[in-house]
PDB file of N, CA and C in Angstrom:
ATOM      1  N   UNK A   1       0.663  15.639  31.001  1.00  0.00           N
ATOM      2  CA  UNK A   1       0.848  14.499  30.127  1.00  0.00           C
ATOM      3  C   UNK A   1       1.800  14.891  29.002  1.00  0.00           C
ATOM      4  N   UNK A   2       2.969  14.325  29.022  1.00  0.00           N
ATOM      5  CA  UNK A   2       3.993  14.662  28.048  1.00  0.00           C
ATOM      6  C   UNK A   2       4.102  13.529  27.017  1.00  0.00           C
ATOM      7  N   UNK A   3       3.997  13.875  25.743  1.00  0.00           N
ATOM      8  CA  UNK A   3       4.127  12.888  24.672  1.00  0.00           C
ATOM      9  C   UNK A   3       5.570  12.855  24.191  1.00  0.00           C
ATOM     10  N   UNK A   4       6.107  11.673  24.135  1.00  0.00           N
ATOM     11  CA  UNK A   4       7.479  11.521  23.671  1.00  0.00           C
ATOM     12  C   UNK A   4       7.480  11.012  22.237  1.00  0.00           C
ATOM     13  N   UNK A   5       8.534  11.340  21.539  1.00  0.00           N
ATOM     14  CA  UNK A   5       8.665  10.950  20.140  1.00  0.00           C
ATOM     15  C   UNK A   5       8.704   9.440  19.985  1.00  0.00           C
ATOM     16  N   UNK A   6       9.391   8.740  20.868  1.00  0.00           N
ATOM     17  CA  UNK A   6       9.488   7.286  20.744  1.00  0.00           C
ATOM     18  C   UNK A   6       8.150   6.604  21.032  1.00  0.00           C
ATOM     19  N   UNK A   7       7.213   7.295  21.654  1.00  0.00           N
ATOM     20  CA  UNK A   7       5.879   6.759  21.879  1.00  0.00           C
ATOM     21  C   UNK A   7       4.984   6.997  20.658  1.00  0.00           C
ATOM     22  N   UNK A   8       5.142   8.120  20.013  1.00  0.00           N
ATOM     23  CA  UNK A   8       4.301   8.497  18.872  1.00  0.00           C
ATOM     24  C   UNK A   8       4.799   7.875  17.564  1.00  0.00           C
ATOM     25  N   UNK A   9       6.092   7.701  17.401  1.00  0.00           N
ATOM     26  CA  UNK A   9       6.695   7.248  16.150  1.00  0.00           C
ATOM     27  C   UNK A   9       6.137   5.922  15.622  1.00  0.00           C
ATOM     28  N   UNK A  10       5.915   4.893  16.432  1.00  0.00           N
ATOM     29  CA  UNK A  10       5.336   3.656  15.878  1.00  0.00           C
ATOM     30  C   UNK A  10       3.941   3.857  15.303  1.00  0.00           C
ATOM     31  N   UNK A  11       3.155   4.709  15.926  1.00  0.00           N
ATOM     32  CA  UNK A  11       1.811   4.980  15.406  1.00  0.00           C
ATOM     33  C   UNK A  11       1.863   5.756  14.091  1.00  0.00           C
ATOM     34  N   UNK A  12       2.794   6.678  14.000  1.00  0.00           N
ATOM     35  CA  UNK A  12       2.968   7.433  12.758  1.00  0.00           C
ATOM     36  C   UNK A  12       3.389   6.480  11.635  1.00  0.00           C
ATOM     37  N   UNK A  13       4.325   5.588  11.942  1.00  0.00           N
ATOM     38  CA  UNK A  13       4.777   4.617  10.940  1.00  0.00           C
ATOM     39  C   UNK A  13       3.633   3.710  10.514  1.00  0.00           C
ATOM     40  N   UNK A  14       2.802   3.293  11.448  1.00  0.00           N
ATOM     41  CA  UNK A  14       1.652   2.447  11.147  1.00  0.00           C
ATOM     42  C   UNK A  14       0.653   3.172  10.251  1.00  0.00           C
ATOM     43  N   UNK A  15       0.368   4.412  10.558  1.00  0.00           N
ATOM     44  CA  UNK A  15      -0.579   5.198   9.755  1.00  0.00           C
ATOM     45  C   UNK A  15      -0.034   5.436   8.346  1.00  0.00           C
ATOM     46  N   UNK A  16       1.249   5.749   8.245  1.00  0.00           N
ATOM     47  CA  UNK A  16       1.865   5.955   6.929  1.00  0.00           C
ATOM     48  C   UNK A  16       1.836   4.654   6.129  1.00  0.00           C
ATOM     49  N   UNK A  17       2.137   3.539   6.779  1.00  0.00           N
ATOM     50  CA  UNK A  17       2.102   2.239   6.105  1.00  0.00           C
ATOM     51  C   UNK A  17       0.718   1.886   5.606  1.00  0.00           C
ATOM     52  N   UNK A  18      -0.290   2.144   6.412  1.00  0.00           N
ATOM     53  CA  UNK A  18      -1.666   1.904   5.983  1.00  0.00           C
ATOM     54  C   UNK A  18      -2.048   2.804   4.809  1.00  0.00           C
ATOM     55  N   UNK A  19      -1.613   4.043   4.853  1.00  0.00           N
ATOM     56  CA  UNK A  19      -1.900   4.963   3.746  1.00  0.00           C
ATOM     57  C   UNK A  19      -1.261   4.509   2.439  1.00  0.00           C
ATOM     58  N   UNK A  20      -0.025   4.065   2.518  1.00  0.00           N
ATOM     59  CA  UNK A  20       0.663   3.580   1.316  1.00  0.00           C
ATOM     60  C   UNK A  20      -0.019   2.326   0.783  1.00  0.00           C
ATOM     61  N   UNK A  21      -0.379   1.417   1.689  1.00  0.00           N
ATOM     62  CA  UNK A  21      -1.065   0.191   1.264  1.00  0.00           C
ATOM     63  C   UNK A  21      -2.397   0.514   0.606  1.00  0.00           C
ATOM     64  N   UNK A  22      -3.139   1.430   1.180  1.00  0.00           N
ATOM     65  CA  UNK A  22      -4.431   1.833   0.617  1.00  0.00           C
ATOM     66  C   UNK A  22      -4.240   2.439  -0.770  1.00  0.00           C
ATOM     67  N   UNK A  23      -3.254   3.279  -0.927  1.00  0.00           N
ATOM     68  CA  UNK A  23      -2.993   3.904  -2.223  1.00  0.00           C
ATOM     69  C   UNK A  23      -2.606   2.888  -3.279  1.00  0.00           C
ATOM     70  N   UNK A  24      -1.754   1.944  -2.933  1.00  0.00           N
ATOM     71  CA  UNK A  24      -1.347   0.920  -3.896  1.00  0.00           C
ATOM     72  C   UNK A  24      -2.531   0.035  -4.266  1.00  0.00           C
ATOM     73  N   UNK A  25      -3.359  -0.306  -3.294  1.00  0.00           N
ATOM     74  CA  UNK A  25      -4.528  -1.135  -3.563  1.00  0.00           C
ATOM     75  C   UNK A  25      -5.486  -0.431  -4.512  1.00  0.00           C
ATOM     76  N   UNK A  26      -5.735   0.842  -4.278  1.00  0.00           N
ATOM     77  CA  UNK A  26      -6.665   1.569  -5.142  1.00  0.00           C
ATOM     78  C   UNK A  26      -6.089   1.747  -6.545  1.00  0.00           C
ATOM     79  N   UNK A  27      -4.773   1.927  -6.671  1.00  0.00           N
ATOM     80  CA  UNK A  27      -4.156   2.025  -7.996  1.00  0.00           C
ATOM     81  C   UNK A  27      -4.297   0.718  -8.764  1.00  0.00           C
ATOM     82  N   UNK A  28      -4.063  -0.385  -8.088  1.00  0.00           N
ATOM     83  CA  UNK A  28      -4.197  -1.694  -8.744  1.00  0.00           C
ATOM     84  C   UNK A  28      -5.642  -1.950  -9.128  1.00  0.00           C
ATOM     85  N   UNK A  29      -6.567  -1.563  -8.284  1.00  0.00           N
ATOM     86  CA  UNK A  29      -7.978  -1.737  -8.592  1.00  0.00           C
ATOM     87  C   UNK A  29      -8.364  -0.917  -9.817  1.00  0.00           C
ATOM     88  N   UNK A  30      -7.873   0.297  -9.912  1.00  0.00           N
ATOM     89  CA  UNK A  30      -8.129   1.128 -11.094  1.00  0.00           C
ATOM     90  C   UNK A  30      -7.557   0.484 -12.347  1.00  0.00           C
ATOM     91  N   UNK A  31      -6.366  -0.112 -12.241  1.00  0.00           N
ATOM     92  CA  UNK A  31      -5.750  -0.777 -13.389  1.00  0.00           C
ATOM     93  C   UNK A  31      -6.580  -1.974 -13.841  1.00  0.00           C
ATOM     94  N   UNK A  32      -7.103  -2.728 -12.896  1.00  0.00           N
ATOM     95  CA  UNK A  32      -7.939  -3.890 -13.233  1.00  0.00           C
ATOM     96  C   UNK A  32      -9.228  -3.428 -13.913  1.00  0.00           C
ATOM     97  N   UNK A  33      -9.824  -2.368 -13.405  1.00  0.00           N
ATOM     98  CA  UNK A  33     -11.048  -1.841 -14.015  1.00  0.00           C
ATOM     99  C   UNK A  33     -10.777  -1.360 -15.443  1.00  0.00           C
ATOM    100  N   UNK A  34      -9.650  -0.711 -15.659  1.00  0.00           N
ATOM    101  CA  UNK A  34      -9.296  -0.241 -16.992  1.00  0.00           C
ATOM    102  C   UNK A  34      -9.116  -1.415 -17.943  1.00  0.00           C
ATOM    103  N   UNK A  35      -8.429  -2.456 -17.495  1.00  0.00           N
ATOM    104  CA  UNK A  35      -8.248  -3.636 -18.346  1.00  0.00           C
ATOM    105  C   UNK A  35      -9.574  -4.309 -18.653  1.00  0.00           C
ATOM    106  N   UNK A  36     -10.468  -4.387 -17.681  1.00  0.00           N
ATOM    107  CA  UNK A  36     -11.776  -4.992 -17.906  1.00  0.00           C
ATOM    108  C   UNK A  36     -12.571  -4.191 -18.935  1.00  0.00           C
ATOM    109  N   UNK A  37     -12.492  -2.871 -18.869  1.00  0.00           N
ATOM    110  CA  UNK A  37     -13.177  -2.035 -19.854  1.00  0.00           C
ATOM    111  C   UNK A  37     -12.608  -2.247 -21.251  1.00  0.00           C
ATOM    112  N   UNK A  38     -11.289  -2.353 -21.352  1.00  0.00           N
ATOM    113  CA  UNK A  38     -10.662  -2.584 -22.652  1.00  0.00           C
ATOM    114  C   UNK A  38     -11.068  -3.932 -23.229  1.00  0.00           C
ATOM    115  N   UNK A  39     -11.128  -4.949 -22.373  1.00  0.00           N
ATOM    116  CA  UNK A  39     -11.533  -6.274 -22.845  1.00  0.00           C
ATOM    117  C   UNK A  39     -12.983  -6.249 -23.311  1.00  0.00           C
ATOM    118  N   UNK A  40     -13.844  -5.550 -22.597  1.00  0.00           N
ATOM    119  CA  UNK A  40     -15.241  -5.438 -23.011  1.00  0.00           C
ATOM    120  C   UNK A  40     -15.342  -4.734 -24.361  1.00  0.00           C
ATOM    121  N   UNK A  41     -14.549  -3.687 -24.566  1.00  0.00           N
ATOM    122  CA  UNK A  41     -14.553  -3.000 -25.856  1.00  0.00           C
ATOM    123  C   UNK A  41     -14.047  -3.913 -26.963  1.00  0.00           C
ATOM    124  N   UNK A  42     -13.018  -4.701 -26.681  1.00  0.00           N
ATOM    125  CA  UNK A  42     -12.505  -5.645 -27.675  1.00  0.00           C
ATOM    126  C   UNK A  42     -13.563  -6.676 -28.042  1.00  0.00           C
ATOM    127  N   UNK A  43     -14.298  -7.172 -27.059  1.00  0.00           N
ATOM    128  CA  UNK A  43     -15.342  -8.153 -27.334  1.00  0.00           C
ATOM    129  C   UNK A  43     -16.424  -7.556 -28.216  1.00  0.00           C
ATOM    130  N   UNK A  44     -16.774  -6.310 -27.964  1.00  0.00           N
ATOM    131  CA  UNK A  44     -17.765  -5.639 -28.809  1.00  0.00           C
ATOM    132  C   UNK A  44     -17.244  -5.488 -30.228  1.00  0.00           C
ATOM    133  N   UNK A  45     -15.987  -5.067 -30.377  1.00  0.00           N
ATOM    134  CA  UNK A  45     -15.393  -4.911 -31.698  1.00  0.00           C
ATOM    135  C   UNK A  45     -15.336  -6.245 -32.441  1.00  0.00           C
ATOM    136  N   UNK A  46     -14.976  -7.304 -31.752  1.00  0.00           N
ATOM    137  CA  UNK A  46     -14.908  -8.627 -32.373  1.00  0.00           C
ATOM    138  C   UNK A  46     -16.287  -9.072 -32.833  1.00  0.00           C
ATOM    139  N   UNK A  47     -17.314  -8.812 -32.031  1.00  0.00           N
ATOM    140  CA  UNK A  47     -18.677  -9.178 -32.416  1.00  0.00           C
ATOM    141  C   UNK A  47     -19.113  -8.411 -33.664  1.00  0.00           C
ATOM    142  N   UNK A  48     -18.761  -7.141 -33.748  1.00  0.00           N
ATOM    143  CA  UNK A  48     -19.122  -6.337 -34.927  1.00  0.00           C
ATOM    144  C   UNK A  48     -18.388  -6.848 -36.160  1.00  0.00           C
ATOM    145  N   UNK A  49     -17.106  -7.135 -36.025  1.00  0.00           N
ATOM    146  CA  UNK A  49     -16.321  -7.645 -37.150  1.00  0.00           C
ATOM    147  C   UNK A  49     -16.876  -8.990 -37.605  1.00  0.00           C
ATOM    148  N   UNK A  50     -17.216  -9.846 -36.667  1.00  0.00           N
ATOM    149  CA  UNK A  50     -17.771 -11.159 -37.008  1.00  0.00           C
ATOM    150  C   UNK A  50     -19.087 -11.006 -37.760  1.00  0.00           C
ATOM    151  N   UNK A  51     -19.923 -10.090 -37.321  1.00  0.00           N
ATOM    152  CA  UNK A  51     -21.204  -9.846 -37.987  1.00  0.00           C
ATOM    153  C   UNK A  51     -20.983  -9.359 -39.428  1.00  0.00           C
ATOM    154  N   UNK A  52     -20.013  -8.471 -39.614  1.00  0.00           N
ATOM    155  CA  UNK A  52     -19.732  -7.969 -40.963  1.00  0.00           C
ATOM    156  C   UNK A  52     -19.175  -9.063 -41.862  1.00  0.00           C
ATOM    157  N   UNK A  53     -18.329  -9.916 -41.315  1.00  0.00           N
ATOM    158  CA  UNK A  53     -17.778 -11.017 -42.109  1.00  0.00           C
ATOM    159  C   UNK A  53     -18.887 -11.975 -42.510  1.00  0.00           C
ATOM    160  N   UNK A  54     -19.791 -12.271 -41.594  1.00  0.00           N
ATOM    161  CA  UNK A  54     -20.911 -13.160 -41.928  1.00  0.00           C
ATOM    162  C   UNK A  54     -21.790 -12.537 -43.001  1.00  0.00           C
ATOM    163  N   UNK A  55     -21.998 -11.228 -42.947  1.00  0.00           N
ATOM    164  CA  UNK A  55     -22.805 -10.557 -43.961  1.00  0.00           C
ATOM    165  C   UNK A  55     -22.113 -10.627 -45.324  1.00  0.00           C
ATOM    166  N   UNK A  56     -20.804 -10.390 -45.344  1.00  0.00           N
ATOM    167  CA  UNK A  56     -20.050 -10.446 -46.596  1.00  0.00           C
ATOM    168  C   UNK A  56     -20.081 -11.858 -47.167  1.00  0.00           C
ATOM    169  N   UNK A  57     -19.923 -12.866 -46.316  1.00  0.00           N
ATOM    170  CA  UNK A  57     -19.974 -14.252 -46.793  1.00  0.00           C
ATOM    171  C   UNK A  57     -21.346 -14.571 -47.378  1.00  0.00           C
ATOM    172  N   UNK A  58     -22.414 -14.176 -46.712  1.00  0.00           N
ATOM    173  CA  UNK A  58     -23.753 -14.452 -47.237  1.00  0.00           C
ATOM    174  C   UNK A  58     -23.984 -13.687 -48.530  1.00  0.00           C
ATOM    175  N   UNK A  59     -23.459 -12.492 -48.646  1.00  0.00           N
ATOM    176  CA  UNK A  59     -23.601 -11.715 -49.888  1.00  0.00           C
ATOM    177  C   UNK A  59     -22.861 -12.394 -51.040  1.00  0.00           C
ATOM    178  N   UNK A  60     -21.656 -12.868 -50.774  1.00  0.00           N
ATOM    179  CA  UNK A  60     -20.872 -13.527 -51.810  1.00  0.00           C
ATOM    180  C   UNK A  60     -21.508 -14.848 -52.223  1.00  0.00           C
ATOM    181  N   UNK A  61     -22.106 -15.576 -51.304  1.00  0.00           N
ATOM    182  CA  UNK A  61     -22.741 -16.843 -51.637  1.00  0.00           C
ATOM    183  C   UNK A  61     -23.972 -16.593 -52.495  1.00  0.00           C
ATOM    184  N   UNK A  62     -24.739 -15.529 -52.229  1.00  0.00           N
ATOM    185  CA  UNK A  62     -25.930 -15.199 -53.014  1.00  0.00           C
ATOM    186  C   UNK A  62     -25.560 -14.771 -54.418  1.00  0.00           C
ATOM    187  N   UNK A  63     -24.431 -14.147 -54.602  1.00  0.00           N
ATOM    188  CA  UNK A  63     -23.999 -13.644 -55.908  1.00  0.00           C
ATOM    189  C   UNK A  63     -23.600 -14.767 -56.848  1.00  0.00           C
ATOM    190  N   UNK A  64     -23.236 -15.908 -56.333  1.00  0.00           N
ATOM    191  CA  UNK A  64     -22.800 -17.012 -57.204  1.00  0.00           C
ATOM    192  C   UNK A  64     -23.945 -17.610 -57.865  1.00  0.00           C
TER     193      UNK A  64
END
């Protein structure tokens, strides 16, 4: 059984193409996860800032 290059080459190209697609997909997925984490951190920061502003407003209203 002799394997020829023209018989193997399409399969090699297919495997390489699948590998590249898999790598790009995983990179994009990592980027989406990173953005989601950043947005969650921003939401936490905004909630803390809002709480502090409400405390300052209530303190200033009591002082009058």
